[in-house]
Amino acid sequence: MPETTLGAPGRAAASVRRAAAAPATAAPAAPTGTQSVERAISLLRILARRDAGGARLVDVVADSGLNKPTVRRLLLVLMREGLVDQDPGSRRYHLGVETFALGSVAAERFGIRKIAAPAVLRIAEASGDTAYLSVRSGFDAICVERQEGAFPIRTLTLAVGDRRPLGVGAGSLALLSFQPDPNEIRSIIDVNAGRVNAYAPRIEPQRLLSLVDQTRAQGYAFNDGMIVAGMSAVAVPILNRRGEPEAALSIAAIDSRMSPERRAQLLALLQRERERIEQQLGRTQSPGVRDLAMRARGRMRA
């Protein structure tokens, strides 16, 4: 399906006549319907990766690698459908209200957020720090729940809806490290290499491999100020019935509240809530993943 929408038979016929009159070698091949859908979805993901400030047209063009007319055309279609909105003052593009509505429906289907939300609140109340729930989306981790504790210095490094490459951040690192297939972990790091390098020198692909090994060995993920100096976070994975990381629970705090002794207390808190959630998920793991999870839990209790 060409990108241009044809609304009437007459217009379609005119378009066909123009195409027939054009030299066979003059025009590039029109994108297929599948390609157009993939391009539109990529634009939505680009906007989702931007913060609340939105994105300029030139930003979307640069991030997508598409030409300006194509990006503008796709954005107009998405705006007509309510999936994208443009601020009339700044002219910046944002995800639209229809995207929120679709996401809300999807969130209800994927029950992990509904199941885990009370746990995130309990963690924040018990620790006094900021608790997060993250889930995997493709090669990214998305924050789907956040609760703030009572401690006056709050570590708000993620907002609900923010996404990062898998491995960047404690919850994201837990999601990456406990993938059952080590080959998949390497593939994810390779695919994300360009985006991960944006966090260099504290995080880059080779260091991420080391962090994955460390996380798998100790049974939890620890971000020691690698994203924001002075702020640390600890995370554990929540495994689904197939033994794959369904989500990750994490606590973020300033460095002075992440001493080894307090970190152990926070891990115990995360562990208790993780086990509650997994029981609700009715997890049935494969033997290999079950062994990995049992080793991880044993180290957390040590």
C-alpha atoms as a PDB file:
ATOM      1  CA  MET A   1       0.000   0.000   0.000  1.00  0.00           C
ATOM      2  CA  PRO A   2       1.510   3.335  -0.961  1.00  0.00           C
ATOM      3  CA  GLU A   3       1.887   5.906   1.804  1.00  0.00           C
ATOM      4  CA  THR A   4      -0.539   8.363   0.179  1.00  0.00           C
ATOM      5  CA  THR A   5      -4.132   7.673   1.185  1.00  0.00           C
ATOM      6  CA  LEU A   6      -6.556   7.634  -1.725  1.00  0.00           C
ATOM      7  CA  GLY A   7     -10.042   8.577  -0.650  1.00  0.00           C
ATOM      8  CA  ALA A   8     -12.094   8.097  -3.851  1.00  0.00           C
ATOM      9  CA  PRO A   9     -12.067   5.913  -6.968  1.00  0.00           C
ATOM     10  CA  GLY A  10     -11.584   8.933  -9.202  1.00  0.00           C
ATOM     11  CA  ARG A  11      -8.493  10.026  -7.340  1.00  0.00           C
ATOM     12  CA  ALA A  12      -7.192   6.497  -7.422  1.00  0.00           C
ATOM     13  CA  ALA A  13      -7.722   6.313 -11.179  1.00  0.00           C
ATOM     14  CA  ALA A  14      -5.936   9.641 -11.655  1.00  0.00           C
ATOM     15  CA  SER A  15      -3.062   8.386  -9.591  1.00  0.00           C
ATOM     16  CA  VAL A  16      -2.840   5.234 -11.684  1.00  0.00           C
ATOM     17  CA  ARG A  17      -2.816   7.287 -14.896  1.00  0.00           C
ATOM     18  CA  ARG A  18      -0.028   9.517 -13.560  1.00  0.00           C
ATOM     19  CA  ALA A  19       1.972   6.470 -12.565  1.00  0.00           C
ATOM     20  CA  ALA A  20       1.486   4.896 -15.972  1.00  0.00           C
ATOM     21  CA  ALA A  21       2.659   8.087 -17.727  1.00  0.00           C
ATOM     22  CA  ALA A  22       5.818   8.407 -15.643  1.00  0.00           C
ATOM     23  CA  PRO A  23       9.100   6.886 -16.864  1.00  0.00           C
ATOM     24  CA  ALA A  24       9.623   3.430 -15.406  1.00  0.00           C
ATOM     25  CA  THR A  25      13.002   4.350 -13.899  1.00  0.00           C
ATOM     26  CA  ALA A  26      12.136   7.828 -12.566  1.00  0.00           C
ATOM     27  CA  ALA A  27      10.389   7.061  -9.256  1.00  0.00           C
ATOM     28  CA  PRO A  28      11.744   5.017  -6.350  1.00  0.00           C
ATOM     29  CA  ALA A  29       9.766   1.981  -5.329  1.00  0.00           C
ATOM     30  CA  ALA A  30       6.809   2.858  -3.125  1.00  0.00           C
ATOM     31  CA  PRO A  31       6.974   1.489   0.412  1.00  0.00           C
ATOM     32  CA  THR A  32       4.914  -1.576   1.064  1.00  0.00           C
ATOM     33  CA  GLY A  33       2.031  -1.519   3.498  1.00  0.00           C
ATOM     34  CA  THR A  34       4.117  -3.400   6.025  1.00  0.00           C
ATOM     35  CA  GLN A  35       6.970  -0.934   5.630  1.00  0.00           C
ATOM     36  CA  SER A  36       4.660   2.021   6.185  1.00  0.00           C
ATOM     37  CA  VAL A  37       3.314   0.449   9.363  1.00  0.00           C
ATOM     38  CA  GLU A  38       6.842  -0.271  10.587  1.00  0.00           C
ATOM     39  CA  ARG A  39       7.866   3.312   9.886  1.00  0.00           C
ATOM     40  CA  ALA A  40       4.855   4.705  11.724  1.00  0.00           C
ATOM     41  CA  ILE A  41       5.551   2.482  14.720  1.00  0.00           C
ATOM     42  CA  SER A  42       9.198   3.591  14.724  1.00  0.00           C
ATOM     43  CA  LEU A  43       8.063   7.218  14.924  1.00  0.00           C
ATOM     44  CA  LEU A  44       5.848   6.397  17.906  1.00  0.00           C
ATOM     45  CA  ARG A  45       8.810   4.764  19.629  1.00  0.00           C
ATOM     46  CA  ILE A  46      11.001   7.777  18.912  1.00  0.00           C
ATOM     47  CA  LEU A  47       8.425  10.053  20.536  1.00  0.00           C
ATOM     48  CA  ALA A  48       8.110   7.652  23.467  1.00  0.00           C
ATOM     49  CA  ARG A  49      11.875   7.804  24.041  1.00  0.00           C
ATOM     50  CA  ARG A  50      11.731  11.580  24.264  1.00  0.00           C
ATOM     51  CA  ASP A  51      10.844  13.038  27.609  1.00  0.00           C
ATOM     52  CA  ALA A  52       7.855  15.242  28.323  1.00  0.00           C
ATOM     53  CA  GLY A  53       9.488  17.994  26.260  1.00  0.00           C
ATOM     54  CA  GLY A  54       8.499  16.250  23.042  1.00  0.00           C
ATOM     55  CA  ALA A  55      10.432  16.212  19.769  1.00  0.00           C
ATOM     56  CA  ARG A  56      10.913  18.657  16.920  1.00  0.00           C
ATOM     57  CA  LEU A  57      10.376  17.533  13.354  1.00  0.00           C
ATOM     58  CA  VAL A  58      14.122  17.725  12.749  1.00  0.00           C
ATOM     59  CA  ASP A  59      14.692  15.445  15.761  1.00  0.00           C
ATOM     60  CA  VAL A  60      12.288  12.823  14.460  1.00  0.00           C
ATOM     61  CA  VAL A  61      13.886  12.990  11.014  1.00  0.00           C
ATOM     62  CA  ALA A  62      17.364  12.538  12.491  1.00  0.00           C
ATOM     63  CA  ASP A  63      16.359   9.692  14.795  1.00  0.00           C
ATOM     64  CA  SER A  64      14.337   7.816  12.190  1.00  0.00           C
ATOM     65  CA  GLY A  65      16.726   8.120   9.239  1.00  0.00           C
ATOM     66  CA  LEU A  66      13.724   8.860   7.011  1.00  0.00           C
ATOM     67  CA  ASN A  67      13.433  11.903   4.782  1.00  0.00           C
ATOM     68  CA  LYS A  68      11.520  14.942   5.959  1.00  0.00           C
ATOM     69  CA  PRO A  69       8.475  14.610   3.648  1.00  0.00           C
ATOM     70  CA  THR A  70       7.971  10.990   4.683  1.00  0.00           C
ATOM     71  CA  VAL A  71       8.211  11.817   8.389  1.00  0.00           C
ATOM     72  CA  ARG A  72       5.829  14.745   8.030  1.00  0.00           C
ATOM     73  CA  ARG A  73       3.331  12.598   6.101  1.00  0.00           C
ATOM     74  CA  LEU A  74       3.413   9.803   8.654  1.00  0.00           C
ATOM     75  CA  LEU A  75       3.083  12.220  11.559  1.00  0.00           C
ATOM     76  CA  LEU A  76       0.037  13.805   9.947  1.00  0.00           C
ATOM     77  CA  VAL A  77      -1.615  10.400   9.627  1.00  0.00           C
ATOM     78  CA  LEU A  78      -0.811   9.587  13.251  1.00  0.00           C
ATOM     79  CA  MET A  79      -2.168  12.974  14.344  1.00  0.00           C
ATOM     80  CA  ARG A  80      -5.432  12.372  12.482  1.00  0.00           C
ATOM     81  CA  GLU A  81      -5.794   9.113  14.425  1.00  0.00           C
ATOM     82  CA  GLY A  82      -5.018  10.777  17.761  1.00  0.00           C
ATOM     83  CA  LEU A  83      -1.837   8.771  18.274  1.00  0.00           C
ATOM     84  CA  VAL A  84       0.376  11.859  17.986  1.00  0.00           C
ATOM     85  CA  ASP A  85      -0.231  15.402  19.150  1.00  0.00           C
ATOM     86  CA  GLN A  86       1.588  18.619  18.196  1.00  0.00           C
ATOM     87  CA  ASP A  87       1.928  21.477  20.640  1.00  0.00           C
ATOM     88  CA  PRO A  88       0.616  24.561  18.795  1.00  0.00           C
ATOM     89  CA  GLY A  89       3.097  26.819  20.568  1.00  0.00           C
ATOM     90  CA  SER A  90       6.373  24.912  20.466  1.00  0.00           C
ATOM     91  CA  ARG A  91       5.468  22.841  17.367  1.00  0.00           C
ATOM     92  CA  ARG A  92       6.941  19.841  19.137  1.00  0.00           C
ATOM     93  CA  TYR A  93       5.411  16.404  18.687  1.00  0.00           C
ATOM     94  CA  HIS A  94       4.174  14.229  21.564  1.00  0.00           C
ATOM     95  CA  LEU A  95       2.369  10.940  21.916  1.00  0.00           C
ATOM     96  CA  GLY A  96      -1.359  11.593  21.648  1.00  0.00           C
ATOM     97  CA  VAL A  97      -4.253  10.841  23.928  1.00  0.00           C
ATOM     98  CA  GLU A  98      -5.253   7.809  21.854  1.00  0.00           C
ATOM     99  CA  THR A  99      -1.866   6.277  22.615  1.00  0.00           C
ATOM    100  CA  PHE A 100      -2.616   6.689  26.308  1.00  0.00           C
ATOM    101  CA  ALA A 101      -6.014   5.052  25.877  1.00  0.00           C
ATOM    102  CA  LEU A 102      -4.523   2.084  24.024  1.00  0.00           C
ATOM    103  CA  GLY A 103      -1.782   1.746  26.595  1.00  0.00           C
ATOM    104  CA  SER A 104      -4.276   1.755  29.438  1.00  0.00           C
ATOM    105  CA  VAL A 105      -6.220  -1.079  27.857  1.00  0.00           C
ATOM    106  CA  ALA A 106      -3.030  -3.044  27.210  1.00  0.00           C
ATOM    107  CA  ALA A 107      -1.870  -2.493  30.790  1.00  0.00           C
ATOM    108  CA  GLU A 108      -5.015  -4.165  32.058  1.00  0.00           C
ATOM    109  CA  ARG A 109      -4.354  -7.179  29.859  1.00  0.00           C
ATOM    110  CA  PHE A 110      -0.768  -7.504  31.003  1.00  0.00           C
ATOM    111  CA  GLY A 111      -1.636  -7.972  34.640  1.00  0.00           C
ATOM    112  CA  ILE A 112       1.855  -7.577  36.043  1.00  0.00           C
ATOM    113  CA  ARG A 113       1.367  -3.860  36.689  1.00  0.00           C
ATOM    114  CA  LYS A 114      -1.946  -4.413  38.421  1.00  0.00           C
ATOM    115  CA  ILE A 115      -0.511  -7.241  40.510  1.00  0.00           C
ATOM    116  CA  ALA A 116       2.739  -5.454  41.367  1.00  0.00           C
ATOM    117  CA  ALA A 117       1.467  -1.914  42.013  1.00  0.00           C
ATOM    118  CA  PRO A 118       0.587  -2.575  45.706  1.00  0.00           C
ATOM    119  CA  ALA A 119       4.047  -4.080  46.204  1.00  0.00           C
ATOM    120  CA  VAL A 120       5.727  -0.998  44.727  1.00  0.00           C
ATOM    121  CA  LEU A 121       3.768   1.168  47.161  1.00  0.00           C
ATOM    122  CA  ARG A 122       4.709  -1.031  50.137  1.00  0.00           C
ATOM    123  CA  ILE A 123       8.384  -0.919  49.128  1.00  0.00           C
ATOM    124  CA  ALA A 124       8.354   2.877  48.950  1.00  0.00           C
ATOM    125  CA  GLU A 125       6.593   3.179  52.308  1.00  0.00           C
ATOM    126  CA  ALA A 126       8.882   0.695  54.053  1.00  0.00           C
ATOM    127  CA  SER A 127      12.146   2.017  52.624  1.00  0.00           C
ATOM    128  CA  GLY A 128      11.330   5.712  52.481  1.00  0.00           C
ATOM    129  CA  ASP A 129      12.967   5.804  49.041  1.00  0.00           C
ATOM    130  CA  THR A 130      11.682   5.642  45.474  1.00  0.00           C
ATOM    131  CA  ALA A 131      10.413   2.289  44.194  1.00  0.00           C
ATOM    132  CA  TYR A 132       9.997   1.371  40.538  1.00  0.00           C
ATOM    133  CA  LEU A 133       8.457  -1.365  38.420  1.00  0.00           C
ATOM    134  CA  SER A 134       9.940  -1.867  34.947  1.00  0.00           C
ATOM    135  CA  VAL A 135       8.948  -4.215  32.130  1.00  0.00           C
ATOM    136  CA  ARG A 136      10.646  -5.236  28.921  1.00  0.00           C
ATOM    137  CA  SER A 137       9.467  -3.858  25.587  1.00  0.00           C
ATOM    138  CA  GLY A 138      11.537  -5.185  22.702  1.00  0.00           C
ATOM    139  CA  PHE A 139      15.107  -4.120  23.342  1.00  0.00           C
ATOM    140  CA  ASP A 140      14.102  -1.558  25.979  1.00  0.00           C
ATOM    141  CA  ALA A 141      12.939  -1.427  29.568  1.00  0.00           C
ATOM    142  CA  ILE A 142       9.954   0.795  30.351  1.00  0.00           C
ATOM    143  CA  CYS A 143       9.050   2.218  33.749  1.00  0.00           C
ATOM    144  CA  VAL A 144       5.378   1.368  34.336  1.00  0.00           C
ATOM    145  CA  GLU A 145       5.007   2.218  38.030  1.00  0.00           C
ATOM    146  CA  ARG A 146       6.740   4.555  40.475  1.00  0.00           C
ATOM    147  CA  GLN A 147       6.075   5.359  44.113  1.00  0.00           C
ATOM    148  CA  GLU A 148       7.957   7.873  46.235  1.00  0.00           C
ATOM    149  CA  GLY A 149       8.918   7.293  49.853  1.00  0.00           C
ATOM    150  CA  ALA A 150       8.910   9.789  52.702  1.00  0.00           C
ATOM    151  CA  PHE A 151      12.639  10.549  52.743  1.00  0.00           C
ATOM    152  CA  PRO A 152      12.984  14.221  51.749  1.00  0.00           C
ATOM    153  CA  ILE A 153      15.714  13.672  49.130  1.00  0.00           C
ATOM    154  CA  ARG A 154      13.990  11.753  46.353  1.00  0.00           C
ATOM    155  CA  THR A 155      15.686   9.902  43.523  1.00  0.00           C
ATOM    156  CA  LEU A 156      13.424  10.490  40.535  1.00  0.00           C
ATOM    157  CA  THR A 157      15.593   9.254  37.697  1.00  0.00           C
ATOM    158  CA  LEU A 158      12.654   7.724  35.817  1.00  0.00           C
ATOM    159  CA  ALA A 159       9.058   8.743  35.206  1.00  0.00           C
ATOM    160  CA  VAL A 160       6.286   6.342  34.288  1.00  0.00           C
ATOM    161  CA  GLY A 161       6.563   5.765  30.554  1.00  0.00           C
ATOM    162  CA  ASP A 162      10.297   6.432  30.336  1.00  0.00           C
ATOM    163  CA  ARG A 163      12.315   3.842  28.480  1.00  0.00           C
ATOM    164  CA  ARG A 164      15.983   2.946  28.349  1.00  0.00           C
ATOM    165  CA  PRO A 165      18.008   0.365  26.448  1.00  0.00           C
ATOM    166  CA  LEU A 166      18.005  -2.956  28.251  1.00  0.00           C
ATOM    167  CA  GLY A 167      20.897  -2.988  30.727  1.00  0.00           C
ATOM    168  CA  VAL A 168      20.956   0.755  31.433  1.00  0.00           C
ATOM    169  CA  GLY A 169      19.728   1.277  34.991  1.00  0.00           C
ATOM    170  CA  ALA A 170      19.201  -1.225  37.803  1.00  0.00           C
ATOM    171  CA  GLY A 171      15.758  -2.512  36.831  1.00  0.00           C
ATOM    172  CA  SER A 172      16.733  -2.591  33.173  1.00  0.00           C
ATOM    173  CA  LEU A 173      19.934  -4.487  34.021  1.00  0.00           C
ATOM    174  CA  ALA A 174      17.959  -7.072  35.998  1.00  0.00           C
ATOM    175  CA  LEU A 175      15.636  -7.585  33.035  1.00  0.00           C
ATOM    176  CA  LEU A 176      18.595  -8.102  30.697  1.00  0.00           C
ATOM    177  CA  SER A 177      20.799 -10.221  32.960  1.00  0.00           C
ATOM    178  CA  PHE A 178      18.219 -12.867  33.816  1.00  0.00           C
ATOM    179  CA  GLN A 179      17.218 -13.657  30.257  1.00  0.00           C
ATOM    180  CA  PRO A 180      17.472 -17.459  30.157  1.00  0.00           C
ATOM    181  CA  ASP A 181      19.512 -17.554  26.917  1.00  0.00           C
ATOM    182  CA  PRO A 182      22.988 -15.956  27.173  1.00  0.00           C
ATOM    183  CA  ASN A 183      23.103 -15.671  23.391  1.00  0.00           C
ATOM    184  CA  GLU A 184      20.022 -13.480  23.484  1.00  0.00           C
ATOM    185  CA  ILE A 185      21.720 -11.220  26.020  1.00  0.00           C
ATOM    186  CA  ARG A 186      24.680 -10.706  23.694  1.00  0.00           C
ATOM    187  CA  SER A 187      22.340 -10.078  20.762  1.00  0.00           C
ATOM    188  CA  ILE A 188      20.427  -7.444  22.722  1.00  0.00           C
ATOM    189  CA  ILE A 189      23.648  -5.667  23.692  1.00  0.00           C
ATOM    190  CA  ASP A 190      24.826  -5.743  20.062  1.00  0.00           C
ATOM    191  CA  VAL A 191      21.542  -4.289  18.802  1.00  0.00           C
ATOM    192  CA  ASN A 192      21.562  -1.567  21.465  1.00  0.00           C
ATOM    193  CA  ALA A 193      25.287  -0.784  21.192  1.00  0.00           C
ATOM    194  CA  GLY A 194      24.815   2.624  19.589  1.00  0.00           C
ATOM    195  CA  ARG A 195      22.289   3.755  22.167  1.00  0.00           C
ATOM    196  CA  VAL A 196      24.229   2.297  25.091  1.00  0.00           C
ATOM    197  CA  ASN A 197      27.311   4.241  24.008  1.00  0.00           C
ATOM    198  CA  ALA A 198      25.373   7.414  24.741  1.00  0.00           C
ATOM    199  CA  TYR A 199      25.911   6.577  28.446  1.00  0.00           C
ATOM    200  CA  ALA A 200      29.712   6.202  28.082  1.00  0.00           C
ATOM    201  CA  PRO A 201      32.133   6.250  29.783  1.00  0.00           C
ATOM    202  CA  ARG A 202      30.204   4.867  32.758  1.00  0.00           C
ATOM    203  CA  ILE A 203      28.302   2.387  30.623  1.00  0.00           C
ATOM    204  CA  GLU A 204      29.300   1.007  27.239  1.00  0.00           C
ATOM    205  CA  PRO A 205      28.656  -2.408  25.610  1.00  0.00           C
ATOM    206  CA  GLN A 206      31.761  -4.176  26.909  1.00  0.00           C
ATOM    207  CA  ARG A 207      31.178  -2.919  30.444  1.00  0.00           C
ATOM    208  CA  LEU A 208      27.558  -3.952  30.143  1.00  0.00           C
ATOM    209  CA  LEU A 209      28.667  -7.544  29.511  1.00  0.00           C
ATOM    210  CA  SER A 210      30.685  -7.413  32.737  1.00  0.00           C
ATOM    211  CA  LEU A 211      27.717  -5.967  34.615  1.00  0.00           C
ATOM    212  CA  VAL A 212      25.510  -8.795  33.343  1.00  0.00           C
ATOM    213  CA  ASP A 213      28.010 -11.389  34.607  1.00  0.00           C
ATOM    214  CA  GLN A 214      28.196  -9.607  37.960  1.00  0.00           C
ATOM    215  CA  THR A 215      24.412  -9.394  38.233  1.00  0.00           C
ATOM    216  CA  ARG A 216      23.895 -13.071  37.432  1.00  0.00           C
ATOM    217  CA  ALA A 217      26.593 -14.054  39.936  1.00  0.00           C
ATOM    218  CA  GLN A 218      25.267 -11.971  42.827  1.00  0.00           C
ATOM    219  CA  GLY A 219      21.599 -12.489  42.026  1.00  0.00           C
ATOM    220  CA  TYR A 220      20.587  -8.847  41.821  1.00  0.00           C
ATOM    221  CA  ALA A 221      21.394  -5.716  39.824  1.00  0.00           C
ATOM    222  CA  PHE A 222      23.189  -2.765  41.339  1.00  0.00           C
ATOM    223  CA  ASN A 223      23.563   0.627  39.697  1.00  0.00           C
ATOM    224  CA  ASP A 224      26.287   2.476  41.548  1.00  0.00           C
ATOM    225  CA  GLY A 225      25.767   6.015  40.289  1.00  0.00           C
ATOM    226  CA  MET A 226      26.210   4.994  36.657  1.00  0.00           C
ATOM    227  CA  ILE A 227      23.272   7.041  35.370  1.00  0.00           C
ATOM    228  CA  VAL A 228      23.200   9.989  37.765  1.00  0.00           C
ATOM    229  CA  ALA A 229      26.218  10.645  39.990  1.00  0.00           C
ATOM    230  CA  GLY A 230      25.380  10.352  43.675  1.00  0.00           C
ATOM    231  CA  MET A 231      22.308   8.209  43.091  1.00  0.00           C
ATOM    232  CA  SER A 232      22.271   4.413  43.254  1.00  0.00           C
ATOM    233  CA  ALA A 233      19.682   1.700  42.770  1.00  0.00           C
ATOM    234  CA  VAL A 234      19.224  -1.992  43.415  1.00  0.00           C
ATOM    235  CA  ALA A 235      16.840  -4.323  41.564  1.00  0.00           C
ATOM    236  CA  VAL A 236      15.588  -7.902  41.361  1.00  0.00           C
ATOM    237  CA  PRO A 237      13.759  -9.614  38.490  1.00  0.00           C
ATOM    238  CA  ILE A 238      10.218 -10.984  38.657  1.00  0.00           C
ATOM    239  CA  LEU A 239      10.072 -14.251  36.710  1.00  0.00           C
ATOM    240  CA  ASN A 240       6.988 -15.340  34.787  1.00  0.00           C
ATOM    241  CA  ARG A 241       5.640 -18.858  34.409  1.00  0.00           C
ATOM    242  CA  ARG A 242       8.206 -19.585  31.678  1.00  0.00           C
ATOM    243  CA  GLY A 243      11.055 -18.508  33.925  1.00  0.00           C
ATOM    244  CA  GLU A 244      11.681 -15.311  31.944  1.00  0.00           C
ATOM    245  CA  PRO A 245      11.956 -11.856  33.516  1.00  0.00           C
ATOM    246  CA  GLU A 246       8.438 -10.465  33.363  1.00  0.00           C
ATOM    247  CA  ALA A 247       9.347  -7.285  35.223  1.00  0.00           C
ATOM    248  CA  ALA A 248      11.840  -5.866  37.694  1.00  0.00           C
ATOM    249  CA  LEU A 249      11.404  -4.241  41.084  1.00  0.00           C
ATOM    250  CA  SER A 250      13.946  -1.619  42.088  1.00  0.00           C
ATOM    251  CA  ILE A 251      14.705   0.926  44.786  1.00  0.00           C
ATOM    252  CA  ALA A 252      16.654   4.110  44.078  1.00  0.00           C
ATOM    253  CA  ALA A 253      18.255   6.305  46.729  1.00  0.00           C
ATOM    254  CA  ILE A 254      21.115   8.689  47.269  1.00  0.00           C
ATOM    255  CA  ASP A 255      24.490   7.024  47.804  1.00  0.00           C
ATOM    256  CA  SER A 256      24.527   7.616  51.566  1.00  0.00           C
ATOM    257  CA  ARG A 257      21.367   5.467  51.852  1.00  0.00           C
ATOM    258  CA  MET A 258      22.847   2.600  49.848  1.00  0.00           C
ATOM    259  CA  SER A 259      25.576   1.367  52.199  1.00  0.00           C
ATOM    260  CA  PRO A 260      26.267  -2.415  52.034  1.00  0.00           C
ATOM    261  CA  GLU A 261      24.301  -2.965  55.252  1.00  0.00           C
ATOM    262  CA  ARG A 262      21.273  -0.996  54.106  1.00  0.00           C
ATOM    263  CA  ARG A 263      21.492  -2.459  50.618  1.00  0.00           C
ATOM    264  CA  ALA A 264      21.093  -5.919  52.151  1.00  0.00           C
ATOM    265  CA  GLN A 265      17.967  -4.713  53.969  1.00  0.00           C
ATOM    266  CA  LEU A 266      16.551  -3.268  50.772  1.00  0.00           C
ATOM    267  CA  LEU A 267      17.281  -6.488  48.910  1.00  0.00           C
ATOM    268  CA  ALA A 268      15.424  -8.472  51.558  1.00  0.00           C
ATOM    269  CA  LEU A 269      12.457  -6.133  51.136  1.00  0.00           C
ATOM    270  CA  LEU A 270      12.539  -6.508  47.341  1.00  0.00           C
ATOM    271  CA  GLN A 271      12.892 -10.271  47.690  1.00  0.00           C
ATOM    272  CA  ARG A 272       9.785 -10.579  49.861  1.00  0.00           C
ATOM    273  CA  GLU A 273       7.675  -8.549  47.493  1.00  0.00           C
ATOM    274  CA  ARG A 274       9.083 -10.348  44.449  1.00  0.00           C
ATOM    275  CA  GLU A 275       8.094 -13.723  45.907  1.00  0.00           C
ATOM    276  CA  ARG A 276       4.574 -12.478  46.630  1.00  0.00           C
ATOM    277  CA  ILE A 277       4.185 -11.318  43.054  1.00  0.00           C
ATOM    278  CA  GLU A 278       5.585 -14.508  41.551  1.00  0.00           C
ATOM    279  CA  GLN A 279       3.178 -16.567  43.624  1.00  0.00           C
ATOM    280  CA  GLN A 280       0.329 -14.561  42.160  1.00  0.00           C
ATOM    281  CA  LEU A 281       1.696 -15.042  38.681  1.00  0.00           C
ATOM    282  CA  GLY A 282       1.548 -18.807  39.255  1.00  0.00           C
ATOM    283  CA  ARG A 283       5.066 -19.291  38.031  1.00  0.00           C
ATOM    284  CA  THR A 284       6.191 -22.708  36.773  1.00  0.00           C
ATOM    285  CA  GLN A 285       9.798 -22.496  35.713  1.00  0.00           C
ATOM    286  CA  SER A 286      11.949 -24.730  33.597  1.00  0.00           C
ATOM    287  CA  PRO A 287      14.580 -26.576  35.705  1.00  0.00           C
ATOM    288  CA  GLY A 288      17.513 -24.510  34.422  1.00  0.00           C
ATOM    289  CA  VAL A 289      15.897 -21.174  35.111  1.00  0.00           C
ATOM    290  CA  ARG A 290      14.521 -22.415  38.426  1.00  0.00           C
ATOM    291  CA  ASP A 291      18.050 -23.334  39.503  1.00  0.00           C
ATOM    292  CA  LEU A 292      19.311 -19.921  38.457  1.00  0.00           C
ATOM    293  CA  ALA A 293      16.558 -18.197  40.398  1.00  0.00           C
ATOM    294  CA  MET A 294      17.162 -20.357  43.471  1.00  0.00           C
ATOM    295  CA  ARG A 295      20.869 -19.535  43.433  1.00  0.00           C
ATOM    296  CA  ALA A 296      20.056 -15.859  43.068  1.00  0.00           C
ATOM    297  CA  ARG A 297      17.663 -15.954  45.984  1.00  0.00           C
ATOM    298  CA  GLY A 298      20.131 -17.855  48.129  1.00  0.00           C
ATOM    299  CA  ARG A 299      22.727 -15.134  47.610  1.00  0.00           C
ATOM    300  CA  MET A 300      20.241 -12.411  48.385  1.00  0.00           C
ATOM    301  CA  ARG A 301      19.411 -14.038  51.704  1.00  0.00           C
ATOM    302  CA  ALA A 302      23.109 -14.471  52.596  1.00  0.00           C
END
